[in-house]
């Protein structure tokens, strides 16, 4: 397995500063080449999102690599898949309808391209369900900034990748052959609107605060609330190692009568394994199970808010956020400013409880917790 030391897709774009349609086309070309190669070998990725594309090294010319094939499956022409997998912002409408094939990967790549060109996802909502509703409606906004200044060729490709009917959607080979996408194509090198980068920063930042807040909630659950989860952890951790492996999780959930497919268990495992070491420790388990059991109740949200609001003023200030996030190794002042900018909807430079609660309820990147029970 290759070590991808060059960082995530959005981080590289944001750090670079200068950003143009040609740069977006170059990134998208590498992504869709990966998809094309997978589809040629009869493999569907099923979880394409920016976090799953890493640069091999920090070199300017470093190739982009797809990672996390945990949800991928082999397919033959005509195969239809029904399990609900993926991540809310990037999921194709036919996946939500539980009847899909490899065209779903093109949709996800199209969503990433939309974000690369505008800084925001095409389908947005206050929670997962409203994101799904927007995906099913399929309305694309090309009238808000910066779209009027984006070339018609780029918009044409986005529309073709985000056709709601998978039968009408462009294939990976056709994407690579599109005039805007080709290396000698018509994508302009003129810098895109600076707002694209700042929106991309905000989109990335919001999920960082949410992860920390969920950990805070998990750490502050009462002994009574945690007792059942403690027992559950012990019963799943059959070798008493203090961590849960994928096999232990799968066996434990089956024993409890939870009817999840292997891919759903894997998705749960990956969502819970915050430090990415391949196992789930006790705190990670509590955090994930709390989320699974809908334990982000009002009182839990308020407890998490109070954790950040050290002086009990009813507001989280820049300094308080900085202090709290330091404990979780988020020390970059820029990121902290981005979090405030995204969550602070009344623009007073601080976060009140309503703004905090709205952020926590906003569409989660991963919706393993919202899957429908079979």
Foldseek 3Di string as FASTA:
>chain_A
DADQAQAFDLVLVLVVLFAFLLNLLVLLLLVLVVLVVCVVVQKAQQADDRRQWGFNHNDPPTGIDGDDSLQMDGHDPPDWAFFQFYWQLQFALVNVVRTDDNLSNLSSSLQRSVLSQAVDGQFWDLASVSSSVSNNVLDGDQPDPPNVVADPQSVVLSCLSSDNPSVSHDHSVVSCVRQSNDNPHDTDSHGGDSVSSLSNLLVVLLQVVLVLLLLLLLVPDDCVVCVVVVVLQPQLPPVPPQKHALVSQVVSCVVVVADDDSSLSSLLQVQLPVVPPRIHGSSSSSSSVCVLVVVCDPVSLVSSVCQLVVVPPQWRALVSQCVSCVVVVPNDSVSSQSNCVNQVPVPPRIHGSVSSVSSNRTYDRGVSSVTDGD
